[in-house]
Amino acid sequence: MARTPAPLVARAKVRAFALGLPGAVEDFPWGESAVVKVNKKIFVFLGDEENAEGTGISVKLKDEEAHGHALAVPGAAPTAYGLGRHGWVSVPLAGGGVPVELLCDWVEESYRCVAPKRLVAELDG
């Protein structure tokens, strides 16, 4: 029986966490690449599930400490297409360098950056 590669396990856990946030929905605006949105705004890019070694996530981190920590991950970089200048960071999941709990913390921060205040209040409640 084939084992699921670790990056895909991490991606699945991050996806499940993101979809558990109030008002979160999954979308596939570019075919195979998944995103999770709240109120029609993306808060995490999950990438392509079929590419285990290239799997990574992109999140919006306004907190300078979290942003710097995410960029310190080997292979991490400001997200392409001009998103990096707005606080978006792309973090690879291959190599297992980042615990899933920390990835989920970053996803939650990204959610808080784009979610309506009423949904953030629901999350905090």
PDB file of N, CA and C in Angstrom:
ATOM      1  N   MET A   1       0.842  -1.174   0.000  1.00  0.00           N
ATOM      2  CA  MET A   1       0.000   0.000   0.000  1.00  0.00           C
ATOM      3  C   MET A   1       0.892   1.244   0.000  1.00  0.00           C
ATOM      4  N   ALA A   2       0.645   2.156  -0.901  1.00  0.00           N
ATOM      5  CA  ALA A   2       1.461   3.363  -1.034  1.00  0.00           C
ATOM      6  C   ALA A   2       1.141   4.351   0.086  1.00  0.00           C
ATOM      7  N   ARG A   3       2.186   4.979   0.605  1.00  0.00           N
ATOM      8  CA  ARG A   3       2.012   6.004   1.638  1.00  0.00           C
ATOM      9  C   ARG A   3       1.791   7.361   0.980  1.00  0.00           C
ATOM     10  N   THR A   4       0.981   8.175   1.614  1.00  0.00           N
ATOM     11  CA  THR A   4       0.761   9.529   1.124  1.00  0.00           C
ATOM     12  C   THR A   4       1.980  10.355   1.497  1.00  0.00           C
ATOM     13  N   PRO A   5       2.579  11.069   0.532  1.00  0.00           N
ATOM     14  CA  PRO A   5       3.752  11.894   0.855  1.00  0.00           C
ATOM     15  C   PRO A   5       3.425  12.934   1.931  1.00  0.00           C
ATOM     16  N   ALA A   6       4.397  13.191   2.806  1.00  0.00           N
ATOM     17  CA  ALA A   6       4.224  14.116   3.936  1.00  0.00           C
ATOM     18  C   ALA A   6       3.690  15.490   3.511  1.00  0.00           C
ATOM     19  N   PRO A   7       4.181  16.085   2.400  1.00  0.00           N
ATOM     20  CA  PRO A   7       3.633  17.398   2.022  1.00  0.00           C
ATOM     21  C   PRO A   7       2.132  17.352   1.750  1.00  0.00           C
ATOM     22  N   LEU A   8       1.637  16.244   1.197  1.00  0.00           N
ATOM     23  CA  LEU A   8       0.205  16.141   0.916  1.00  0.00           C
ATOM     24  C   LEU A   8      -0.598  15.937   2.197  1.00  0.00           C
ATOM     25  N   VAL A   9       0.001  15.264   3.180  1.00  0.00           N
ATOM     26  CA  VAL A   9      -0.655  15.108   4.484  1.00  0.00           C
ATOM     27  C   VAL A   9      -0.772  16.482   5.145  1.00  0.00           C
ATOM     28  N   ALA A  10       0.325  17.254   5.122  1.00  0.00           N
ATOM     29  CA  ALA A  10       0.304  18.605   5.698  1.00  0.00           C
ATOM     30  C   ALA A  10      -0.714  19.469   4.966  1.00  0.00           C
ATOM     31  N   ARG A  11      -0.743  19.386   3.637  1.00  0.00           N
ATOM     32  CA  ARG A  11      -1.703  20.170   2.851  1.00  0.00           C
ATOM     33  C   ARG A  11      -3.132  19.816   3.243  1.00  0.00           C
ATOM     34  N   ALA A  12      -3.411  18.526   3.406  1.00  0.00           N
ATOM     35  CA  ALA A  12      -4.760  18.089   3.775  1.00  0.00           C
ATOM     36  C   ALA A  12      -5.160  18.630   5.143  1.00  0.00           C
ATOM     37  N   LYS A  13      -4.228  18.643   6.078  1.00  0.00           N
ATOM     38  CA  LYS A  13      -4.524  19.157   7.419  1.00  0.00           C
ATOM     39  C   LYS A  13      -4.764  20.662   7.391  1.00  0.00           C
ATOM     40  N   VAL A  14      -3.944  21.378   6.635  1.00  0.00           N
ATOM     41  CA  VAL A  14      -4.123  22.827   6.505  1.00  0.00           C
ATOM     42  C   VAL A  14      -5.456  23.127   5.821  1.00  0.00           C
ATOM     43  N   ARG A  15      -5.779  22.377   4.775  1.00  0.00           N
ATOM     44  CA  ARG A  15      -7.046  22.556   4.058  1.00  0.00           C
ATOM     45  C   ARG A  15      -8.223  22.346   5.001  1.00  0.00           C
ATOM     46  N   ALA A  16      -8.190  21.260   5.776  1.00  0.00           N
ATOM     47  CA  ALA A  16      -9.280  20.967   6.707  1.00  0.00           C
ATOM     48  C   ALA A  16      -9.415  22.076   7.748  1.00  0.00           C
ATOM     49  N   PHE A  17      -8.288  22.574   8.254  1.00  0.00           N
ATOM     50  CA  PHE A  17      -8.329  23.662   9.223  1.00  0.00           C
ATOM     51  C   PHE A  17      -8.964  24.905   8.600  1.00  0.00           C
ATOM     52  N   ALA A  18      -8.495  25.268   7.401  1.00  0.00           N
ATOM     53  CA  ALA A  18      -8.992  26.471   6.725  1.00  0.00           C
ATOM     54  C   ALA A  18     -10.497  26.374   6.467  1.00  0.00           C
ATOM     55  N   LEU A  19     -10.952  25.207   6.028  1.00  0.00           N
ATOM     56  CA  LEU A  19     -12.374  25.042   5.728  1.00  0.00           C
ATOM     57  C   LEU A  19     -13.231  25.008   6.990  1.00  0.00           C
ATOM     58  N   GLY A  20     -12.610  24.827   8.141  1.00  0.00           N
ATOM     59  CA  GLY A  20     -13.330  24.854   9.404  1.00  0.00           C
ATOM     60  C   GLY A  20     -13.545  26.251   9.960  1.00  0.00           C
ATOM     61  N   LEU A  21     -12.933  27.245   9.342  1.00  0.00           N
ATOM     62  CA  LEU A  21     -13.097  28.621   9.802  1.00  0.00           C
ATOM     63  C   LEU A  21     -14.462  29.157   9.345  1.00  0.00           C
ATOM     64  N   PRO A  22     -15.070  30.041  10.131  1.00  0.00           N
ATOM     65  CA  PRO A  22     -16.411  30.546   9.799  1.00  0.00           C
ATOM     66  C   PRO A  22     -16.494  31.155   8.393  1.00  0.00           C
ATOM     67  N   GLY A  23     -17.445  30.673   7.606  1.00  0.00           N
ATOM     68  CA  GLY A  23     -17.702  31.224   6.276  1.00  0.00           C
ATOM     69  C   GLY A  23     -16.724  30.803   5.198  1.00  0.00           C
ATOM     70  N   ALA A  24     -15.794  29.905   5.509  1.00  0.00           N
ATOM     71  CA  ALA A  24     -14.766  29.501   4.537  1.00  0.00           C
ATOM     72  C   ALA A  24     -15.330  28.543   3.498  1.00  0.00           C
ATOM     73  N   VAL A  25     -14.923  28.749   2.243  1.00  0.00           N
ATOM     74  CA  VAL A  25     -15.314  27.876   1.138  1.00  0.00           C
ATOM     75  C   VAL A  25     -14.107  27.633   0.238  1.00  0.00           C
ATOM     76  N   GLU A  26     -14.080  26.455  -0.363  1.00  0.00           N
ATOM     77  CA  GLU A  26     -13.002  26.111  -1.285  1.00  0.00           C
ATOM     78  C   GLU A  26     -13.414  26.488  -2.702  1.00  0.00           C
ATOM     79  N   ASP A  27     -12.444  26.907  -3.494  1.00  0.00           N
ATOM     80  CA  ASP A  27     -12.705  27.281  -4.879  1.00  0.00           C
ATOM     81  C   ASP A  27     -11.514  26.837  -5.719  1.00  0.00           C
ATOM     82  N   PHE A  28     -11.741  26.680  -7.007  1.00  0.00           N
ATOM     83  CA  PHE A  28     -10.705  26.268  -7.952  1.00  0.00           C
ATOM     84  C   PHE A  28     -10.695  27.248  -9.131  1.00  0.00           C
ATOM     85  N   PRO A  29     -10.292  28.501  -8.888  1.00  0.00           N
ATOM     86  CA  PRO A  29     -10.383  29.506  -9.949  1.00  0.00           C
ATOM     87  C   PRO A  29      -9.434  29.267 -11.122  1.00  0.00           C
ATOM     88  N   TRP A  30      -8.394  28.485 -10.916  1.00  0.00           N
ATOM     89  CA  TRP A  30      -7.422  28.232 -11.979  1.00  0.00           C
ATOM     90  C   TRP A  30      -7.304  26.747 -12.275  1.00  0.00           C
ATOM     91  N   GLY A  31      -8.401  26.032 -12.255  1.00  0.00           N
ATOM     92  CA  GLY A  31      -8.373  24.601 -12.564  1.00  0.00           C
ATOM     93  C   GLY A  31      -8.012  23.757 -11.360  1.00  0.00           C
ATOM     94  N   GLU A  32      -6.818  23.173 -11.371  1.00  0.00           N
ATOM     95  CA  GLU A  32      -6.400  22.240 -10.331  1.00  0.00           C
ATOM     96  C   GLU A  32      -5.965  22.923  -9.037  1.00  0.00           C
ATOM     97  N   SER A  33      -5.532  24.157  -9.111  1.00  0.00           N
ATOM     98  CA  SER A  33      -5.037  24.850  -7.922  1.00  0.00           C
ATOM     99  C   SER A  33      -6.192  25.317  -7.051  1.00  0.00           C
ATOM    100  N   ALA A  34      -6.172  24.871  -5.797  1.00  0.00           N
ATOM    101  CA  ALA A  34      -7.244  25.208  -4.868  1.00  0.00           C
ATOM    102  C   ALA A  34      -6.907  26.447  -4.057  1.00  0.00           C
ATOM    103  N   VAL A  35      -7.948  27.175  -3.697  1.00  0.00           N
ATOM    104  CA  VAL A  35      -7.837  28.299  -2.769  1.00  0.00           C
ATOM    105  C   VAL A  35      -8.976  28.158  -1.767  1.00  0.00           C
ATOM    106  N   VAL A  36      -8.816  28.804  -0.625  1.00  0.00           N
ATOM    107  CA  VAL A  36      -9.913  28.876   0.334  1.00  0.00           C
ATOM    108  C   VAL A  36     -10.221  30.352   0.520  1.00  0.00           C
ATOM    109  N   LYS A  37     -11.531  30.659   0.443  1.00  0.00           N
ATOM    110  CA  LYS A  37     -11.998  32.040   0.490  1.00  0.00           C
ATOM    111  C   LYS A  37     -12.953  32.247   1.654  1.00  0.00           C
ATOM    112  N   VAL A  38     -13.059  33.499   2.039  1.00  0.00           N
ATOM    113  CA  VAL A  38     -14.102  33.932   2.945  1.00  0.00           C
ATOM    114  C   VAL A  38     -14.643  35.232   2.367  1.00  0.00           C
ATOM    115  N   ASN A  39     -15.952  35.331   2.248  1.00  0.00           N
ATOM    116  CA  ASN A  39     -16.574  36.532   1.698  1.00  0.00           C
ATOM    117  C   ASN A  39     -15.995  36.890   0.320  1.00  0.00           C
ATOM    118  N   LYS A  40     -15.760  35.868  -0.495  1.00  0.00           N
ATOM    119  CA  LYS A  40     -15.232  35.994  -1.860  1.00  0.00           C
ATOM    120  C   LYS A  40     -13.782  36.460  -1.920  1.00  0.00           C
ATOM    121  N   LYS A  41     -13.084  36.489  -0.774  1.00  0.00           N
ATOM    122  CA  LYS A  41     -11.675  36.904  -0.746  1.00  0.00           C
ATOM    123  C   LYS A  41     -10.812  35.714  -0.362  1.00  0.00           C
ATOM    124  N   ILE A  42      -9.752  35.491  -1.115  1.00  0.00           N
ATOM    125  CA  ILE A  42      -8.835  34.385  -0.848  1.00  0.00           C
ATOM    126  C   ILE A  42      -8.034  34.685   0.412  1.00  0.00           C
ATOM    127  N   PHE A  43      -7.920  33.664   1.280  1.00  0.00           N
ATOM    128  CA  PHE A  43      -7.036  33.821   2.430  1.00  0.00           C
ATOM    129  C   PHE A  43      -5.953  32.743   2.473  1.00  0.00           C
ATOM    130  N   VAL A  44      -6.062  31.720   1.643  1.00  0.00           N
ATOM    131  CA  VAL A  44      -4.964  30.755   1.507  1.00  0.00           C
ATOM    132  C   VAL A  44      -5.012  30.120   0.122  1.00  0.00           C
ATOM    133  N   PHE A  45      -3.843  30.094  -0.506  1.00  0.00           N
ATOM    134  CA  PHE A  45      -3.647  29.372  -1.751  1.00  0.00           C
ATOM    135  C   PHE A  45      -3.080  28.012  -1.356  1.00  0.00           C
ATOM    136  N   LEU A  46      -3.734  26.933  -1.794  1.00  0.00           N
ATOM    137  CA  LEU A  46      -3.280  25.588  -1.443  1.00  0.00           C
ATOM    138  C   LEU A  46      -2.491  24.917  -2.555  1.00  0.00           C
ATOM    139  N   GLY A  47      -2.505  25.474  -3.730  1.00  0.00           N
ATOM    140  CA  GLY A  47      -1.756  24.885  -4.829  1.00  0.00           C
ATOM    141  C   GLY A  47      -2.397  23.620  -5.356  1.00  0.00           C
ATOM    142  N   ASP A  48      -1.614  22.870  -6.114  1.00  0.00           N
ATOM    143  CA  ASP A  48      -2.064  21.672  -6.806  1.00  0.00           C
ATOM    144  C   ASP A  48      -1.820  20.440  -5.940  1.00  0.00           C
ATOM    145  N   GLU A  49      -2.863  19.699  -5.679  1.00  0.00           N
ATOM    146  CA  GLU A  49      -2.780  18.497  -4.845  1.00  0.00           C
ATOM    147  C   GLU A  49      -1.984  17.378  -5.520  1.00  0.00           C
ATOM    148  N   GLU A  50      -1.851  17.414  -6.822  1.00  0.00           N
ATOM    149  CA  GLU A  50      -1.197  16.334  -7.566  1.00  0.00           C
ATOM    150  C   GLU A  50       0.328  16.405  -7.543  1.00  0.00           C
ATOM    151  N   ASN A  51       0.905  17.501  -7.097  1.00  0.00           N
ATOM    152  CA  ASN A  51       2.353  17.694  -7.151  1.00  0.00           C
ATOM    153  C   ASN A  51       2.922  17.706  -5.731  1.00  0.00           C
ATOM    154  N   ALA A  52       3.219  16.523  -5.182  1.00  0.00           N
ATOM    155  CA  ALA A  52       3.647  16.405  -3.779  1.00  0.00           C
ATOM    156  C   ALA A  52       4.902  17.224  -3.485  1.00  0.00           C
ATOM    157  N   GLU A  53       5.901  17.151  -4.331  1.00  0.00           N
ATOM    158  CA  GLU A  53       7.158  17.850  -4.044  1.00  0.00           C
ATOM    159  C   GLU A  53       7.044  19.358  -4.247  1.00  0.00           C
ATOM    160  N   GLY A  54       6.113  19.792  -5.087  1.00  0.00           N
ATOM    161  CA  GLY A  54       5.941  21.214  -5.330  1.00  0.00           C
ATOM    162  C   GLY A  54       4.841  21.833  -4.480  1.00  0.00           C
ATOM    163  N   THR A  55       4.280  21.047  -3.570  1.00  0.00           N
ATOM    164  CA  THR A  55       3.166  21.516  -2.759  1.00  0.00           C
ATOM    165  C   THR A  55       3.618  22.593  -1.776  1.00  0.00           C
ATOM    166  N   GLY A  56       2.808  23.622  -1.679  1.00  0.00           N
ATOM    167  CA  GLY A  56       3.072  24.690  -0.729  1.00  0.00           C
ATOM    168  C   GLY A  56       1.802  25.483  -0.512  1.00  0.00           C
ATOM    169  N   ILE A  57       1.866  26.409   0.416  1.00  0.00           N
ATOM    170  CA  ILE A  57       0.722  27.283   0.647  1.00  0.00           C
ATOM    171  C   ILE A  57       1.192  28.724   0.556  1.00  0.00           C
ATOM    172  N   SER A  58       0.265  29.608   0.296  1.00  0.00           N
ATOM    173  CA  SER A  58       0.528  31.044   0.337  1.00  0.00           C
ATOM    174  C   SER A  58      -0.502  31.671   1.253  1.00  0.00           C
ATOM    175  N   VAL A  59      -0.016  32.519   2.161  1.00  0.00           N
ATOM    176  CA  VAL A  59      -0.883  33.173   3.141  1.00  0.00           C
ATOM    177  C   VAL A  59      -0.501  34.637   3.261  1.00  0.00           C
ATOM    178  N   LYS A  60      -1.450  35.444   3.703  1.00  0.00           N
ATOM    179  CA  LYS A  60      -1.221  36.871   3.910  1.00  0.00           C
ATOM    180  C   LYS A  60      -0.895  37.090   5.385  1.00  0.00           C
ATOM    181  N   LEU A  61       0.304  37.593   5.660  1.00  0.00           N
ATOM    182  CA  LEU A  61       0.754  37.787   7.039  1.00  0.00           C
ATOM    183  C   LEU A  61       1.096  39.246   7.264  1.00  0.00           C
ATOM    184  N   LYS A  62       0.244  39.947   8.002  1.00  0.00           N
ATOM    185  CA  LYS A  62       0.511  41.359   8.305  1.00  0.00           C
ATOM    186  C   LYS A  62       1.407  41.516   9.522  1.00  0.00           C
ATOM    187  N   ASP A  63       1.359  40.543  10.444  1.00  0.00           N
ATOM    188  CA  ASP A  63       2.201  40.585  11.626  1.00  0.00           C
ATOM    189  C   ASP A  63       3.661  40.426  11.187  1.00  0.00           C
ATOM    190  N   GLU A  64       4.501  41.411  11.501  1.00  0.00           N
ATOM    191  CA  GLU A  64       5.889  41.407  11.027  1.00  0.00           C
ATOM    192  C   GLU A  64       6.677  40.203  11.519  1.00  0.00           C
ATOM    193  N   GLU A  65       6.432  39.792  12.759  1.00  0.00           N
ATOM    194  CA  GLU A  65       7.163  38.648  13.301  1.00  0.00           C
ATOM    195  C   GLU A  65       6.799  37.370  12.541  1.00  0.00           C
ATOM    196  N   ALA A  66       5.502  37.137  12.335  1.00  0.00           N
ATOM    197  CA  ALA A  66       5.054  35.950  11.606  1.00  0.00           C
ATOM    198  C   ALA A  66       5.548  36.005  10.159  1.00  0.00           C
ATOM    199  N   HIS A  67       5.486  37.180   9.548  1.00  0.00           N
ATOM    200  CA  HIS A  67       5.938  37.350   8.167  1.00  0.00           C
ATOM    201  C   HIS A  67       7.423  36.996   8.052  1.00  0.00           C
ATOM    202  N   GLY A  68       8.213  37.520   8.962  1.00  0.00           N
ATOM    203  CA  GLY A  68       9.648  37.232   8.953  1.00  0.00           C
ATOM    204  C   GLY A  68       9.934  35.766   9.218  1.00  0.00           C
ATOM    205  N   HIS A  69       9.187  35.169  10.146  1.00  0.00           N
ATOM    206  CA  HIS A  69       9.357  33.753  10.461  1.00  0.00           C
ATOM    207  C   HIS A  69       9.033  32.899   9.238  1.00  0.00           C
ATOM    208  N   ALA A  70       7.944  33.218   8.553  1.00  0.00           N
ATOM    209  CA  ALA A  70       7.553  32.458   7.363  1.00  0.00           C
ATOM    210  C   ALA A  70       8.604  32.587   6.268  1.00  0.00           C
ATOM    211  N   LEU A  71       9.137  33.785   6.081  1.00  0.00           N
ATOM    212  CA  LEU A  71      10.156  33.980   5.037  1.00  0.00           C
ATOM    213  C   LEU A  71      11.466  33.285   5.375  1.00  0.00           C
ATOM    214  N   ALA A  72      11.683  32.953   6.650  1.00  0.00           N
ATOM    215  CA  ALA A  72      12.909  32.265   7.069  1.00  0.00           C
ATOM    216  C   ALA A  72      12.868  30.763   6.766  1.00  0.00           C
ATOM    217  N   VAL A  73      11.699  30.242   6.415  1.00  0.00           N
ATOM    218  CA  VAL A  73      11.581  28.827   6.071  1.00  0.00           C
ATOM    219  C   VAL A  73      12.346  28.586   4.770  1.00  0.00           C
ATOM    220  N   PRO A  74      13.205  27.549   4.727  1.00  0.00           N
ATOM    221  CA  PRO A  74      13.935  27.268   3.478  1.00  0.00           C
ATOM    222  C   PRO A  74      12.990  27.113   2.297  1.00  0.00           C
ATOM    223  N   GLY A  75      13.245  27.866   1.248  1.00  0.00           N
ATOM    224  CA  GLY A  75      12.421  27.823   0.045  1.00  0.00           C
ATOM    225  C   GLY A  75      11.255  28.794   0.035  1.00  0.00           C
ATOM    226  N   ALA A  76      10.978  29.437   1.164  1.00  0.00           N
ATOM    227  CA  ALA A  76       9.877  30.402   1.227  1.00  0.00           C
ATOM    228  C   ALA A  76      10.269  31.684   0.503  1.00  0.00           C
ATOM    229  N   ALA A  77       9.249  32.376  -0.012  1.00  0.00           N
ATOM    230  CA  ALA A  77       9.505  33.618  -0.750  1.00  0.00           C
ATOM    231  C   ALA A  77       8.240  34.455  -0.776  1.00  0.00           C
ATOM    232  N   PRO A  78       8.403  35.757  -1.031  1.00  0.00           N
ATOM    233  CA  PRO A  78       7.200  36.571  -1.247  1.00  0.00           C
ATOM    234  C   PRO A  78       6.413  35.968  -2.417  1.00  0.00           C
ATOM    235  N   THR A  79       5.107  35.929  -2.290  1.00  0.00           N
ATOM    236  CA  THR A  79       4.261  35.334  -3.325  1.00  0.00           C
ATOM    237  C   THR A  79       4.372  36.144  -4.616  1.00  0.00           C
ATOM    238  N   ALA A  80       4.358  35.414  -5.718  1.00  0.00           N
ATOM    239  CA  ALA A  80       4.509  36.017  -7.044  1.00  0.00           C
ATOM    240  C   ALA A  80       3.290  36.861  -7.418  1.00  0.00           C
ATOM    241  N   TYR A  81       3.320  37.400  -8.604  1.00  0.00           N
ATOM    242  CA  TYR A  81       2.239  38.200  -9.184  1.00  0.00           C
ATOM    243  C   TYR A  81       1.966  39.472  -8.388  1.00  0.00           C
ATOM    244  N   GLY A  82       2.979  39.997  -7.706  1.00  0.00           N
ATOM    245  CA  GLY A  82       2.831  41.241  -6.962  1.00  0.00           C
ATOM    246  C   GLY A  82       2.165  41.089  -5.607  1.00  0.00           C
ATOM    247  N   LEU A  83       1.760  39.884  -5.246  1.00  0.00           N
ATOM    248  CA  LEU A  83       1.103  39.683  -3.960  1.00  0.00           C
ATOM    249  C   LEU A  83       2.075  39.837  -2.792  1.00  0.00           C
ATOM    250  N   GLY A  84       3.346  39.523  -3.024  1.00  0.00           N
ATOM    251  CA  GLY A  84       4.351  39.604  -1.972  1.00  0.00           C
ATOM    252  C   GLY A  84       4.459  40.987  -1.356  1.00  0.00           C
ATOM    253  N   ARG A  85       4.278  42.022  -2.156  1.00  0.00           N
ATOM    254  CA  ARG A  85       4.390  43.382  -1.621  1.00  0.00           C
ATOM    255  C   ARG A  85       3.210  43.750  -0.713  1.00  0.00           C
ATOM    256  N   HIS A  86       2.178  42.892  -0.712  1.00  0.00           N
ATOM    257  CA  HIS A  86       1.010  43.110   0.145  1.00  0.00           C
ATOM    258  C   HIS A  86       0.990  42.149   1.331  1.00  0.00           C
ATOM    259  N   GLY A  87       2.140  41.517   1.606  1.00  0.00           N
ATOM    260  CA  GLY A  87       2.272  40.659   2.772  1.00  0.00           C
ATOM    261  C   GLY A  87       2.082  39.172   2.524  1.00  0.00           C
ATOM    262  N   TRP A  88       1.852  38.771   1.285  1.00  0.00           N
ATOM    263  CA  TRP A  88       1.667  37.356   0.984  1.00  0.00           C
ATOM    264  C   TRP A  88       3.010  36.636   0.933  1.00  0.00           C
ATOM    265  N   VAL A  89       3.055  35.456   1.553  1.00  0.00           N
ATOM    266  CA  VAL A  89       4.264  34.638   1.593  1.00  0.00           C
ATOM    267  C   VAL A  89       3.912  33.232   1.114  1.00  0.00           C
ATOM    268  N   SER A  90       4.763  32.678   0.251  1.00  0.00           N
ATOM    269  CA  SER A  90       4.594  31.300  -0.215  1.00  0.00           C
ATOM    270  C   SER A  90       5.575  30.418   0.541  1.00  0.00           C
ATOM    271  N   VAL A  91       5.046  29.369   1.174  1.00  0.00           N
ATOM    272  CA  VAL A  91       5.848  28.482   2.020  1.00  0.00           C
ATOM    273  C   VAL A  91       5.743  27.059   1.472  1.00  0.00           C
ATOM    274  N   PRO A  92       6.892  26.440   1.141  1.00  0.00           N
ATOM    275  CA  PRO A  92       6.841  25.060   0.648  1.00  0.00           C
ATOM    276  C   PRO A  92       6.527  24.091   1.781  1.00  0.00           C
ATOM    277  N   LEU A  93       5.843  23.008   1.449  1.00  0.00           N
ATOM    278  CA  LEU A  93       5.527  21.986   2.450  1.00  0.00           C
ATOM    279  C   LEU A  93       6.491  20.811   2.388  1.00  0.00           C
ATOM    280  N   ALA A  94       7.226  20.666   1.293  1.00  0.00           N
ATOM    281  CA  ALA A  94       8.211  19.592   1.178  1.00  0.00           C
ATOM    282  C   ALA A  94       9.321  19.826   2.193  1.00  0.00           C
ATOM    283  N   GLY A  95       9.841  18.772   2.726  1.00  0.00           N
ATOM    284  CA  GLY A  95      10.921  18.879   3.695  1.00  0.00           C
ATOM    285  C   GLY A  95      10.438  18.872   5.133  1.00  0.00           C
ATOM    286  N   GLY A  96       9.150  19.108   5.336  1.00  0.00           N
ATOM    287  CA  GLY A  96       8.586  19.047   6.677  1.00  0.00           C
ATOM    288  C   GLY A  96       9.184  20.020   7.662  1.00  0.00           C
ATOM    289  N   GLY A  97       9.696  21.152   7.173  1.00  0.00           N
ATOM    290  CA  GLY A  97      10.363  22.112   8.045  1.00  0.00           C
ATOM    291  C   GLY A  97       9.452  22.924   8.932  1.00  0.00           C
ATOM    292  N   VAL A  98       8.161  22.937   8.633  1.00  0.00           N
ATOM    293  CA  VAL A  98       7.220  23.757   9.408  1.00  0.00           C
ATOM    294  C   VAL A  98       6.140  22.853   9.997  1.00  0.00           C
ATOM    295  N   PRO A  99       5.972  22.886  11.317  1.00  0.00           N
ATOM    296  CA  PRO A  99       4.898  22.078  11.914  1.00  0.00           C
ATOM    297  C   PRO A  99       3.526  22.524  11.408  1.00  0.00           C
ATOM    298  N   VAL A 100       2.620  21.576  11.248  1.00  0.00           N
ATOM    299  CA  VAL A 100       1.277  21.867  10.753  1.00  0.00           C
ATOM    300  C   VAL A 100       0.589  22.889  11.648  1.00  0.00           C
ATOM    301  N   GLU A 101       0.824  22.820  12.950  1.00  0.00           N
ATOM    302  CA  GLU A 101       0.184  23.772  13.876  1.00  0.00           C
ATOM    303  C   GLU A 101       0.582  25.208  13.540  1.00  0.00           C
ATOM    304  N   LEU A 102       1.849  25.415  13.187  1.00  0.00           N
ATOM    305  CA  LEU A 102       2.306  26.759  12.824  1.00  0.00           C
ATOM    306  C   LEU A 102       1.701  27.187  11.493  1.00  0.00           C
ATOM    307  N   LEU A 103       1.632  26.265  10.540  1.00  0.00           N
ATOM    308  CA  LEU A 103       0.987  26.574   9.259  1.00  0.00           C
ATOM    309  C   LEU A 103      -0.461  27.006   9.493  1.00  0.00           C
ATOM    310  N   CYS A 104      -1.147  26.310  10.384  1.00  0.00           N
ATOM    311  CA  CYS A 104      -2.537  26.650  10.693  1.00  0.00           C
ATOM    312  C   CYS A 104      -2.629  28.008  11.385  1.00  0.00           C
ATOM    313  N   ASP A 105      -1.658  28.339  12.231  1.00  0.00           N
ATOM    314  CA  ASP A 105      -1.623  29.679  12.839  1.00  0.00           C
ATOM    315  C   ASP A 105      -1.522  30.747  11.753  1.00  0.00           C
ATOM    316  N   TRP A 106      -0.672  30.497  10.759  1.00  0.00           N
ATOM    317  CA  TRP A 106      -0.510  31.455   9.669  1.00  0.00           C
ATOM    318  C   TRP A 106      -1.780  31.551   8.835  1.00  0.00           C
ATOM    319  N   VAL A 107      -2.444  30.430   8.607  1.00  0.00           N
ATOM    320  CA  VAL A 107      -3.708  30.439   7.869  1.00  0.00           C
ATOM    321  C   VAL A 107      -4.746  31.257   8.636  1.00  0.00           C
ATOM    322  N   GLU A 108      -4.791  31.080   9.957  1.00  0.00           N
ATOM    323  CA  GLU A 108      -5.746  31.843  10.757  1.00  0.00           C
ATOM    324  C   GLU A 108      -5.435  33.333  10.694  1.00  0.00           C
ATOM    325  N   GLU A 109      -4.163  33.699  10.743  1.00  0.00           N
ATOM    326  CA  GLU A 109      -3.823  35.123  10.641  1.00  0.00           C
ATOM    327  C   GLU A 109      -4.252  35.675   9.283  1.00  0.00           C
ATOM    328  N   SER A 110      -4.019  34.910   8.227  1.00  0.00           N
ATOM    329  CA  SER A 110      -4.413  35.336   6.890  1.00  0.00           C
ATOM    330  C   SER A 110      -5.934  35.505   6.816  1.00  0.00           C
ATOM    331  N   TYR A 111      -6.659  34.574   7.404  1.00  0.00           N
ATOM    332  CA  TYR A 111      -8.124  34.653   7.472  1.00  0.00           C
ATOM    333  C   TYR A 111      -8.539  35.956   8.149  1.00  0.00           C
ATOM    334  N   ARG A 112      -7.918  36.262   9.283  1.00  0.00           N
ATOM    335  CA  ARG A 112      -8.257  37.471  10.033  1.00  0.00           C
ATOM    336  C   ARG A 112      -7.984  38.741   9.220  1.00  0.00           C
ATOM    337  N   CYS A 113      -7.029  38.679   8.293  1.00  0.00           N
ATOM    338  CA  CYS A 113      -6.707  39.842   7.452  1.00  0.00           C
ATOM    339  C   CYS A 113      -7.817  40.157   6.453  1.00  0.00           C
ATOM    340  N   VAL A 114      -8.558  39.142   6.021  1.00  0.00           N
ATOM    341  CA  VAL A 114      -9.536  39.365   4.943  1.00  0.00           C
ATOM    342  C   VAL A 114     -10.990  39.126   5.346  1.00  0.00           C
ATOM    343  N   ALA A 115     -11.217  38.438   6.451  1.00  0.00           N
ATOM    344  CA  ALA A 115     -12.592  38.099   6.850  1.00  0.00           C
ATOM    345  C   ALA A 115     -13.330  39.321   7.390  1.00  0.00           C
ATOM    346  N   PRO A 116     -14.642  39.352   7.187  1.00  0.00           N
ATOM    347  CA  PRO A 116     -15.440  40.428   7.786  1.00  0.00           C
ATOM    348  C   PRO A 116     -15.360  40.348   9.318  1.00  0.00           C
ATOM    349  N   LYS A 117     -15.495  41.497   9.957  1.00  0.00           N
ATOM    350  CA  LYS A 117     -15.377  41.569  11.417  1.00  0.00           C
ATOM    351  C   LYS A 117     -16.352  40.639  12.127  1.00  0.00           C
ATOM    352  N   ARG A 118     -17.558  40.475  11.595  1.00  0.00           N
ATOM    353  CA  ARG A 118     -18.543  39.614  12.247  1.00  0.00           C
ATOM    354  C   ARG A 118     -18.079  38.157  12.270  1.00  0.00           C
ATOM    355  N   LEU A 119     -17.386  37.715  11.213  1.00  0.00           N
ATOM    356  CA  LEU A 119     -16.882  36.342  11.187  1.00  0.00           C
ATOM    357  C   LEU A 119     -15.666  36.168  12.085  1.00  0.00           C
ATOM    358  N   VAL A 120     -14.829  37.211  12.173  1.00  0.00           N
ATOM    359  CA  VAL A 120     -13.704  37.164  13.113  1.00  0.00           C
ATOM    360  C   VAL A 120     -14.236  37.098  14.545  1.00  0.00           C
ATOM    361  N   ALA A 121     -15.300  37.861  14.828  1.00  0.00           N
ATOM    362  CA  ALA A 121     -15.923  37.823  16.149  1.00  0.00           C
ATOM    363  C   ALA A 121     -16.495  36.434  16.431  1.00  0.00           C
ATOM    364  N   GLU A 122     -17.060  35.808  15.414  1.00  0.00           N
ATOM    365  CA  GLU A 122     -17.595  34.445  15.574  1.00  0.00           C
ATOM    366  C   GLU A 122     -16.458  33.471  15.884  1.00  0.00           C
ATOM    367  N   LEU A 123     -15.335  33.644  15.220  1.00  0.00           N
ATOM    368  CA  LEU A 123     -14.164  32.793  15.469  1.00  0.00           C
ATOM    369  C   LEU A 123     -13.673  32.964  16.901  1.00  0.00           C
ATOM    370  N   ASP A 124     -13.660  34.207  17.368  1.00  0.00           N
ATOM    371  CA  ASP A 124     -13.170  34.500  18.723  1.00  0.00           C
ATOM    372  C   ASP A 124     -14.168  34.079  19.794  1.00  0.00           C
ATOM    373  N   GLY A 125     -15.447  33.957  19.412  1.00  0.00           N
ATOM    374  CA  GLY A 125     -16.513  33.654  20.382  1.00  0.00           C
ATOM    375  C   GLY A 125     -16.564  32.231  20.703  1.00  0.00           C
TER     376      GLY A 125
END
